[in-house]
Amino acid sequence: MLYLKALHIIFVVTWFAGLFYIVRLFVYYAETLERPEPEKSILQREYLGMQSRLWYGITWPSAIMTAIFGPLMLWWFPLNTWLIIKLLLVVGLYFYHFSCQIVFNQQRKGIVKYTGMQLRVWNEVATLFLIGIVFLVVNFSDSEH
């Protein structure tokens, strides 16, 4: 059980790291529109490469492993109110993840729909999910086991 819990935590941490950094890379890419050529093209190419390596090398695999190890832990934790709320937040986090996939796909096509400032604000949404999930787990999981 402890190894399963450790693996779950590791992949949650790496998933969040990927989500935090990918949106920063979206910001950097969006801000290249203000740069002159050839700097603009060089930076866009570099940021797209960084996005791809991060998204497919860390973020997606971590999201998948979280989706595998999380439900396995339900065998040891009975469903109750705090856990249901936590799972709803996790579902919201996956929607956030999928929205990042949309921005990722757009930027790969050279489409920039959001300003650097809008993306900076969007980057904070993951922080809100993190705060909600961690507070629920810390405040309620140990009191019931």
C-alpha atoms as a PDB file:
ATOM      1  CA  MET A   1       0.000   0.000   0.000  1.00  0.00           C
ATOM      2  CA  LEU A   2       2.774   2.474   0.866  1.00  0.00           C
ATOM      3  CA  TYR A   3       4.546   1.877  -2.457  1.00  0.00           C
ATOM      4  CA  LEU A   4       1.291   2.458  -4.291  1.00  0.00           C
ATOM      5  CA  LYS A   5       0.711   5.671  -2.344  1.00  0.00           C
ATOM      6  CA  ALA A   6       4.299   6.807  -3.048  1.00  0.00           C
ATOM      7  CA  LEU A   7       3.939   6.145  -6.778  1.00  0.00           C
ATOM      8  CA  HIS A   8       0.638   8.013  -6.832  1.00  0.00           C
ATOM      9  CA  ILE A   9       2.197  11.036  -5.098  1.00  0.00           C
ATOM     10  CA  ILE A  10       5.254  10.988  -7.389  1.00  0.00           C
ATOM     11  CA  PHE A  11       3.128  11.032 -10.533  1.00  0.00           C
ATOM     12  CA  VAL A  12       0.787  13.691  -9.154  1.00  0.00           C
ATOM     13  CA  VAL A  13       3.805  15.897  -8.415  1.00  0.00           C
ATOM     14  CA  THR A  14       5.341  15.394 -11.858  1.00  0.00           C
ATOM     15  CA  TRP A  15       1.938  15.947 -13.507  1.00  0.00           C
ATOM     16  CA  PHE A  16       1.507  19.268 -11.705  1.00  0.00           C
ATOM     17  CA  ALA A  17       5.090  20.247 -12.560  1.00  0.00           C
ATOM     18  CA  GLY A  18       4.317  19.597 -16.213  1.00  0.00           C
ATOM     19  CA  LEU A  19       1.054  21.547 -16.073  1.00  0.00           C
ATOM     20  CA  PHE A  20       2.721  24.520 -14.393  1.00  0.00           C
ATOM     21  CA  TYR A  21       5.588  24.623 -16.868  1.00  0.00           C
ATOM     22  CA  ILE A  22       3.632  23.944 -20.075  1.00  0.00           C
ATOM     23  CA  VAL A  23       1.504  27.039 -19.570  1.00  0.00           C
ATOM     24  CA  ARG A  24       4.660  29.096 -18.965  1.00  0.00           C
ATOM     25  CA  LEU A  25       5.931  27.808 -22.312  1.00  0.00           C
ATOM     26  CA  PHE A  26       2.594  28.849 -23.855  1.00  0.00           C
ATOM     27  CA  VAL A  27       3.184  32.336 -22.427  1.00  0.00           C
ATOM     28  CA  TYR A  28       6.701  32.496 -23.856  1.00  0.00           C
ATOM     29  CA  TYR A  29       5.484  31.335 -27.267  1.00  0.00           C
ATOM     30  CA  ALA A  30       2.646  33.892 -27.305  1.00  0.00           C
ATOM     31  CA  GLU A  31       5.082  36.647 -26.421  1.00  0.00           C
ATOM     32  CA  THR A  32       7.308  35.803 -29.394  1.00  0.00           C
ATOM     33  CA  LEU A  33       4.702  37.504 -31.603  1.00  0.00           C
ATOM     34  CA  GLU A  34       6.133  40.815 -30.389  1.00  0.00           C
ATOM     35  CA  ARG A  35       9.683  39.888 -31.473  1.00  0.00           C
ATOM     36  CA  PRO A  36      11.299  40.812 -34.776  1.00  0.00           C
ATOM     37  CA  GLU A  37      12.463  38.179 -37.256  1.00  0.00           C
ATOM     38  CA  PRO A  38      14.604  36.053 -37.194  1.00  0.00           C
ATOM     39  CA  GLU A  39      14.440  36.061 -33.386  1.00  0.00           C
ATOM     40  CA  LYS A  40      10.693  35.313 -33.488  1.00  0.00           C
ATOM     41  CA  SER A  41      11.045  32.189 -35.648  1.00  0.00           C
ATOM     42  CA  ILE A  42      14.025  30.891 -33.716  1.00  0.00           C
ATOM     43  CA  LEU A  43      12.269  31.278 -30.358  1.00  0.00           C
ATOM     44  CA  GLN A  44       9.006  29.797 -31.624  1.00  0.00           C
ATOM     45  CA  ARG A  45      10.812  26.727 -32.932  1.00  0.00           C
ATOM     46  CA  GLU A  46      12.651  26.327 -29.619  1.00  0.00           C
ATOM     47  CA  TYR A  47       9.514  26.761 -27.495  1.00  0.00           C
ATOM     48  CA  LEU A  48       7.551  24.292 -29.624  1.00  0.00           C
ATOM     49  CA  GLY A  49      10.302  21.726 -29.132  1.00  0.00           C
ATOM     50  CA  MET A  50      10.363  22.330 -25.389  1.00  0.00           C
ATOM     51  CA  GLN A  51       6.568  22.073 -25.244  1.00  0.00           C
ATOM     52  CA  SER A  52       6.560  18.796 -27.115  1.00  0.00           C
ATOM     53  CA  ARG A  53       9.251  17.181 -24.959  1.00  0.00           C
ATOM     54  CA  LEU A  54       7.545  18.326 -21.752  1.00  0.00           C
ATOM     55  CA  TRP A  55       3.998  17.455 -22.824  1.00  0.00           C
ATOM     56  CA  TYR A  56       4.672  13.996 -24.235  1.00  0.00           C
ATOM     57  CA  GLY A  57       7.697  13.098 -22.102  1.00  0.00           C
ATOM     58  CA  ILE A  58       6.477  14.161 -18.658  1.00  0.00           C
ATOM     59  CA  THR A  59       3.005  15.674 -18.459  1.00  0.00           C
ATOM     60  CA  TRP A  60       0.920  13.113 -20.365  1.00  0.00           C
ATOM     61  CA  PRO A  61       2.719  10.065 -18.920  1.00  0.00           C
ATOM     62  CA  SER A  62       2.311  11.492 -15.404  1.00  0.00           C
ATOM     63  CA  ALA A  63      -1.404  12.178 -15.975  1.00  0.00           C
ATOM     64  CA  ILE A  64      -1.869   8.607 -17.187  1.00  0.00           C
ATOM     65  CA  MET A  65       0.047   7.074 -14.287  1.00  0.00           C
ATOM     66  CA  THR A  66      -1.940   9.245 -11.854  1.00  0.00           C
ATOM     67  CA  ALA A  67      -5.125   7.890 -13.455  1.00  0.00           C
ATOM     68  CA  ILE A  68      -3.841   4.351 -12.916  1.00  0.00           C
ATOM     69  CA  PHE A  69      -2.502   4.588  -9.361  1.00  0.00           C
ATOM     70  CA  GLY A  70      -5.242   6.887  -8.008  1.00  0.00           C
ATOM     71  CA  PRO A  71      -8.158   4.490  -8.570  1.00  0.00           C
ATOM     72  CA  LEU A  72      -6.090   1.587  -7.216  1.00  0.00           C
ATOM     73  CA  MET A  73      -5.886   3.456  -3.913  1.00  0.00           C
ATOM     74  CA  LEU A  74      -9.690   3.485  -3.677  1.00  0.00           C
ATOM     75  CA  TRP A  75      -9.439  -0.112  -2.438  1.00  0.00           C
ATOM     76  CA  TRP A  76      -7.967   1.213   0.825  1.00  0.00           C
ATOM     77  CA  PHE A  77      -9.995   4.410   1.145  1.00  0.00           C
ATOM     78  CA  PRO A  78     -13.763   4.139   1.394  1.00  0.00           C
ATOM     79  CA  LEU A  79     -15.730   6.675  -0.599  1.00  0.00           C
ATOM     80  CA  ASN A  80     -16.870   9.486   1.648  1.00  0.00           C
ATOM     81  CA  THR A  81     -17.686  13.158   1.256  1.00  0.00           C
ATOM     82  CA  TRP A  82     -14.134  14.558   1.289  1.00  0.00           C
ATOM     83  CA  LEU A  83     -12.914  11.922  -1.157  1.00  0.00           C
ATOM     84  CA  ILE A  84     -15.801  12.548  -3.550  1.00  0.00           C
ATOM     85  CA  ILE A  85     -15.012  16.277  -3.505  1.00  0.00           C
ATOM     86  CA  LYS A  86     -11.337  15.508  -4.083  1.00  0.00           C
ATOM     87  CA  LEU A  87     -12.211  13.246  -7.023  1.00  0.00           C
ATOM     88  CA  LEU A  88     -14.393  16.009  -8.493  1.00  0.00           C
ATOM     89  CA  LEU A  89     -11.426  18.379  -8.260  1.00  0.00           C
ATOM     90  CA  VAL A  90      -9.271  15.775  -9.998  1.00  0.00           C
ATOM     91  CA  VAL A  91     -11.854  15.508 -12.787  1.00  0.00           C
ATOM     92  CA  GLY A  92     -11.673  19.306 -13.072  1.00  0.00           C
ATOM     93  CA  LEU A  93      -7.886  19.054 -13.253  1.00  0.00           C
ATOM     94  CA  TYR A  94      -8.180  16.620 -16.159  1.00  0.00           C
ATOM     95  CA  PHE A  95     -10.453  19.128 -17.925  1.00  0.00           C
ATOM     96  CA  TYR A  96      -7.740  21.739 -17.305  1.00  0.00           C
ATOM     97  CA  HIS A  97      -5.193  19.298 -18.735  1.00  0.00           C
ATOM     98  CA  PHE A  98      -7.339  18.776 -21.854  1.00  0.00           C
ATOM     99  CA  SER A  99      -7.726  22.539 -22.260  1.00  0.00           C
ATOM    100  CA  CYS A 100      -3.930  22.783 -22.210  1.00  0.00           C
ATOM    101  CA  GLN A 101      -3.875  20.133 -24.946  1.00  0.00           C
ATOM    102  CA  ILE A 102      -6.069  22.431 -27.049  1.00  0.00           C
ATOM    103  CA  VAL A 103      -3.678  25.370 -26.587  1.00  0.00           C
ATOM    104  CA  PHE A 104      -0.744  23.036 -27.288  1.00  0.00           C
ATOM    105  CA  ASN A 105      -2.347  21.920 -30.571  1.00  0.00           C
ATOM    106  CA  GLN A 106      -3.158  25.499 -31.552  1.00  0.00           C
ATOM    107  CA  GLN A 107       0.375  26.730 -30.964  1.00  0.00           C
ATOM    108  CA  ARG A 108       1.762  23.814 -32.983  1.00  0.00           C
ATOM    109  CA  LYS A 109      -0.308  25.204 -35.887  1.00  0.00           C
ATOM    110  CA  GLY A 110       0.926  28.753 -35.247  1.00  0.00           C
ATOM    111  CA  ILE A 111      -2.415  29.828 -33.783  1.00  0.00           C
ATOM    112  CA  VAL A 112      -2.183  32.115 -30.750  1.00  0.00           C
ATOM    113  CA  LYS A 113      -5.616  32.922 -29.329  1.00  0.00           C
ATOM    114  CA  TYR A 114      -4.527  34.159 -25.903  1.00  0.00           C
ATOM    115  CA  THR A 115      -2.192  36.905 -24.777  1.00  0.00           C
ATOM    116  CA  GLY A 116       0.720  36.270 -22.472  1.00  0.00           C
ATOM    117  CA  MET A 117      -1.250  37.893 -19.637  1.00  0.00           C
ATOM    118  CA  GLN A 118      -4.331  35.705 -20.220  1.00  0.00           C
ATOM    119  CA  LEU A 119      -2.122  32.616 -20.171  1.00  0.00           C
ATOM    120  CA  ARG A 120      -0.411  33.805 -16.978  1.00  0.00           C
ATOM    121  CA  VAL A 121      -3.820  33.974 -15.302  1.00  0.00           C
ATOM    122  CA  TRP A 122      -4.736  30.555 -16.745  1.00  0.00           C
ATOM    123  CA  ASN A 123      -1.534  29.179 -15.239  1.00  0.00           C
ATOM    124  CA  GLU A 124      -2.888  29.959 -11.756  1.00  0.00           C
ATOM    125  CA  VAL A 125      -5.909  27.688 -12.235  1.00  0.00           C
ATOM    126  CA  ALA A 126      -3.707  24.633 -11.665  1.00  0.00           C
ATOM    127  CA  THR A 127      -2.557  26.218  -8.403  1.00  0.00           C
ATOM    128  CA  LEU A 128      -6.170  26.456  -7.233  1.00  0.00           C
ATOM    129  CA  PHE A 129      -6.694  22.767  -7.991  1.00  0.00           C
ATOM    130  CA  LEU A 130      -3.492  21.913  -6.123  1.00  0.00           C
ATOM    131  CA  ILE A 131      -4.531  23.902  -3.057  1.00  0.00           C
ATOM    132  CA  GLY A 132      -8.001  22.344  -2.966  1.00  0.00           C
ATOM    133  CA  ILE A 133      -6.781  18.787  -3.429  1.00  0.00           C
ATOM    134  CA  VAL A 134      -3.945  19.010  -0.906  1.00  0.00           C
ATOM    135  CA  PHE A 135      -6.103  20.635   1.777  1.00  0.00           C
ATOM    136  CA  LEU A 136      -8.768  17.956   1.386  1.00  0.00           C
ATOM    137  CA  VAL A 137      -6.257  15.121   1.590  1.00  0.00           C
ATOM    138  CA  VAL A 138      -4.330  16.564   4.543  1.00  0.00           C
ATOM    139  CA  ASN A 139      -7.386  17.582   6.557  1.00  0.00           C
ATOM    140  CA  PHE A 140      -9.500  14.479   6.091  1.00  0.00           C
ATOM    141  CA  SER A 141      -7.579  11.401   4.940  1.00  0.00           C
ATOM    142  CA  ASP A 142      -5.646  10.816   8.167  1.00  0.00           C
ATOM    143  CA  SER A 143      -8.642  11.463  10.408  1.00  0.00           C
ATOM    144  CA  GLU A 144     -10.476   8.507   8.898  1.00  0.00           C
ATOM    145  CA  HIS A 145      -7.640   5.971   8.949  1.00  0.00           C
END
